[in-house]
Amino acid sequence: MKKRQSNFELLRIICMFLIVAGHVTWQTKFSYSELNLVHRVSIQSLWMGGELGV
């Protein structure tokens, strides 16, 4: 019987969260021009996190 490697399971969970967050930011109709710089960067970082998760 093999011992589970929990570090890979944690990485898989983080990647799933990033993918879901990326899809949420991509599918919602954000108006980026009306947001200030901090909000734009945070939304775009979630989208890039989704790409990274894949």
N, C-alpha and C. Protein backbone atom coordinates (compact mmCIF):
# COMPACT_ATOMS: atom_id res chain seq x y z
N MET A 1 0.83 -1.18 0.00
CA MET A 1 0.00 0.00 0.00
C MET A 1 0.88 1.25 0.00
N LYS A 2 0.60 2.17 -0.93
CA LYS A 2 1.41 3.38 -1.03
C LYS A 2 0.95 4.44 -0.03
N LYS A 3 1.90 5.20 0.43
CA LYS A 3 1.58 6.32 1.31
C LYS A 3 1.22 7.52 0.43
N ARG A 4 0.15 8.22 0.78
CA ARG A 4 -0.28 9.38 0.00
C ARG A 4 0.68 10.54 0.20
N GLN A 5 0.94 11.25 -0.88
CA GLN A 5 1.78 12.43 -0.80
C GLN A 5 0.87 13.65 -0.73
N SER A 6 0.71 14.16 0.47
CA SER A 6 -0.26 15.24 0.68
C SER A 6 0.16 16.55 0.02
N ASN A 7 1.45 16.72 -0.28
CA ASN A 7 1.87 17.97 -0.92
C ASN A 7 1.31 18.06 -2.33
N PHE A 8 1.16 16.94 -3.03
CA PHE A 8 0.56 16.96 -4.36
C PHE A 8 -0.95 17.21 -4.27
N GLU A 9 -1.57 16.68 -3.22
CA GLU A 9 -3.00 16.92 -3.04
C GLU A 9 -3.26 18.40 -2.76
N LEU A 10 -2.42 19.02 -1.96
CA LEU A 10 -2.57 20.45 -1.67
C LEU A 10 -2.36 21.28 -2.93
N LEU A 11 -1.39 20.92 -3.73
CA LEU A 11 -1.15 21.62 -4.99
C LEU A 11 -2.35 21.47 -5.92
N ARG A 12 -2.94 20.31 -5.96
CA ARG A 12 -4.13 20.07 -6.79
C ARG A 12 -5.31 20.92 -6.32
N ILE A 13 -5.50 21.05 -5.01
CA ILE A 13 -6.59 21.86 -4.47
C ILE A 13 -6.37 23.33 -4.80
N ILE A 14 -5.15 23.81 -4.67
CA ILE A 14 -4.85 25.21 -5.00
C ILE A 14 -5.09 25.47 -6.48
N CYS A 15 -4.67 24.55 -7.33
CA CYS A 15 -4.89 24.71 -8.77
C CYS A 15 -6.38 24.73 -9.10
N MET A 16 -7.17 23.89 -8.46
CA MET A 16 -8.61 23.89 -8.71
C MET A 16 -9.24 25.22 -8.31
N PHE A 17 -8.81 25.76 -7.17
CA PHE A 17 -9.32 27.05 -6.73
C PHE A 17 -8.95 28.14 -7.72
N LEU A 18 -7.72 28.14 -8.20
CA LEU A 18 -7.28 29.15 -9.16
C LEU A 18 -8.05 29.04 -10.47
N ILE A 19 -8.33 27.83 -10.92
CA ILE A 19 -9.07 27.64 -12.16
C ILE A 19 -10.50 28.17 -12.01
N VAL A 20 -11.14 27.86 -10.89
CA VAL A 20 -12.50 28.36 -10.66
C VAL A 20 -12.51 29.88 -10.57
N ALA A 21 -11.55 30.46 -9.86
CA ALA A 21 -11.48 31.92 -9.76
C ALA A 21 -11.22 32.55 -11.12
N GLY A 22 -10.39 31.93 -11.93
CA GLY A 22 -10.14 32.45 -13.27
C GLY A 22 -11.38 32.41 -14.15
N HIS A 23 -12.17 31.34 -14.04
CA HIS A 23 -13.39 31.26 -14.82
C HIS A 23 -14.42 32.28 -14.36
N VAL A 24 -14.48 32.52 -13.06
CA VAL A 24 -15.43 33.51 -12.54
C VAL A 24 -15.08 34.90 -13.06
N THR A 25 -13.81 35.26 -13.05
CA THR A 25 -13.44 36.59 -13.54
C THR A 25 -13.58 36.70 -15.04
N TRP A 26 -13.43 35.59 -15.75
CA TRP A 26 -13.53 35.62 -17.21
C TRP A 26 -14.99 35.67 -17.65
N GLN A 27 -15.88 34.96 -16.96
CA GLN A 27 -17.27 34.85 -17.38
C GLN A 27 -18.14 36.02 -16.92
N THR A 28 -17.76 36.70 -15.85
CA THR A 28 -18.57 37.83 -15.40
C THR A 28 -18.27 39.05 -16.25
N LYS A 29 -19.22 39.92 -16.35
CA LYS A 29 -19.11 41.09 -17.22
C LYS A 29 -18.58 42.29 -16.42
N PHE A 30 -17.32 42.24 -16.07
CA PHE A 30 -16.71 43.36 -15.37
C PHE A 30 -16.47 44.50 -16.33
N SER A 31 -16.70 45.70 -15.88
CA SER A 31 -16.37 46.89 -16.66
C SER A 31 -15.05 47.43 -16.11
N TYR A 32 -13.97 47.03 -16.76
CA TYR A 32 -12.64 47.37 -16.24
C TYR A 32 -12.36 48.87 -16.27
N SER A 33 -12.96 49.59 -17.16
CA SER A 33 -12.66 51.02 -17.26
C SER A 33 -13.21 51.80 -16.07
N GLU A 34 -14.24 51.27 -15.40
CA GLU A 34 -14.84 51.98 -14.27
C GLU A 34 -14.15 51.66 -12.94
N LEU A 35 -13.27 50.69 -12.91
CA LEU A 35 -12.61 50.30 -11.68
C LEU A 35 -11.28 51.02 -11.52
N ASN A 36 -10.88 51.20 -10.26
CA ASN A 36 -9.57 51.80 -10.05
C ASN A 36 -8.47 50.77 -10.25
N LEU A 37 -7.25 51.18 -10.19
CA LEU A 37 -6.11 50.33 -10.55
C LEU A 37 -6.00 49.10 -9.65
N VAL A 38 -6.24 49.25 -8.36
CA VAL A 38 -6.10 48.13 -7.43
C VAL A 38 -7.11 47.03 -7.77
N HIS A 39 -8.35 47.41 -8.05
CA HIS A 39 -9.36 46.41 -8.39
C HIS A 39 -9.06 45.74 -9.72
N ARG A 40 -8.60 46.52 -10.69
CA ARG A 40 -8.26 45.92 -11.99
C ARG A 40 -7.14 44.91 -11.86
N VAL A 41 -6.12 45.27 -11.11
CA VAL A 41 -4.98 44.36 -10.94
C VAL A 41 -5.39 43.10 -10.19
N SER A 42 -6.24 43.24 -9.17
CA SER A 42 -6.67 42.06 -8.42
C SER A 42 -7.52 41.13 -9.29
N ILE A 43 -8.40 41.68 -10.11
CA ILE A 43 -9.22 40.85 -10.99
C ILE A 43 -8.37 40.18 -12.06
N GLN A 44 -7.43 40.92 -12.63
CA GLN A 44 -6.57 40.35 -13.65
C GLN A 44 -5.63 39.30 -13.07
N SER A 45 -5.22 39.47 -11.82
CA SER A 45 -4.35 38.46 -11.20
C SER A 45 -5.13 37.17 -10.95
N LEU A 46 -6.42 37.28 -10.63
CA LEU A 46 -7.23 36.07 -10.51
C LEU A 46 -7.36 35.36 -11.84
N TRP A 47 -7.53 36.12 -12.90
CA TRP A 47 -7.64 35.52 -14.23
C TRP A 47 -6.33 34.83 -14.61
N MET A 48 -5.20 35.50 -14.33
CA MET A 48 -3.90 34.88 -14.63
C MET A 48 -3.66 33.67 -13.74
N GLY A 49 -4.18 33.70 -12.51
CA GLY A 49 -4.07 32.53 -11.63
C GLY A 49 -4.79 31.34 -12.20
N GLY A 50 -5.91 31.57 -12.87
CA GLY A 50 -6.63 30.48 -13.51
C GLY A 50 -5.82 29.87 -14.64
N GLU A 51 -5.13 30.72 -15.39
CA GLU A 51 -4.26 30.21 -16.45
C GLU A 51 -3.10 29.41 -15.84
N LEU A 52 -2.58 29.89 -14.74
CA LEU A 52 -1.48 29.21 -14.07
C LEU A 52 -1.93 27.86 -13.51
N GLY A 53 -3.15 27.81 -13.00
CA GLY A 53 -3.67 26.56 -12.44
C GLY A 53 -3.79 25.46 -13.46
N VAL A 54 -4.09 25.85 -14.70
CA VAL A 54 -4.20 24.84 -15.76
C VAL A 54 -2.83 24.32 -16.09
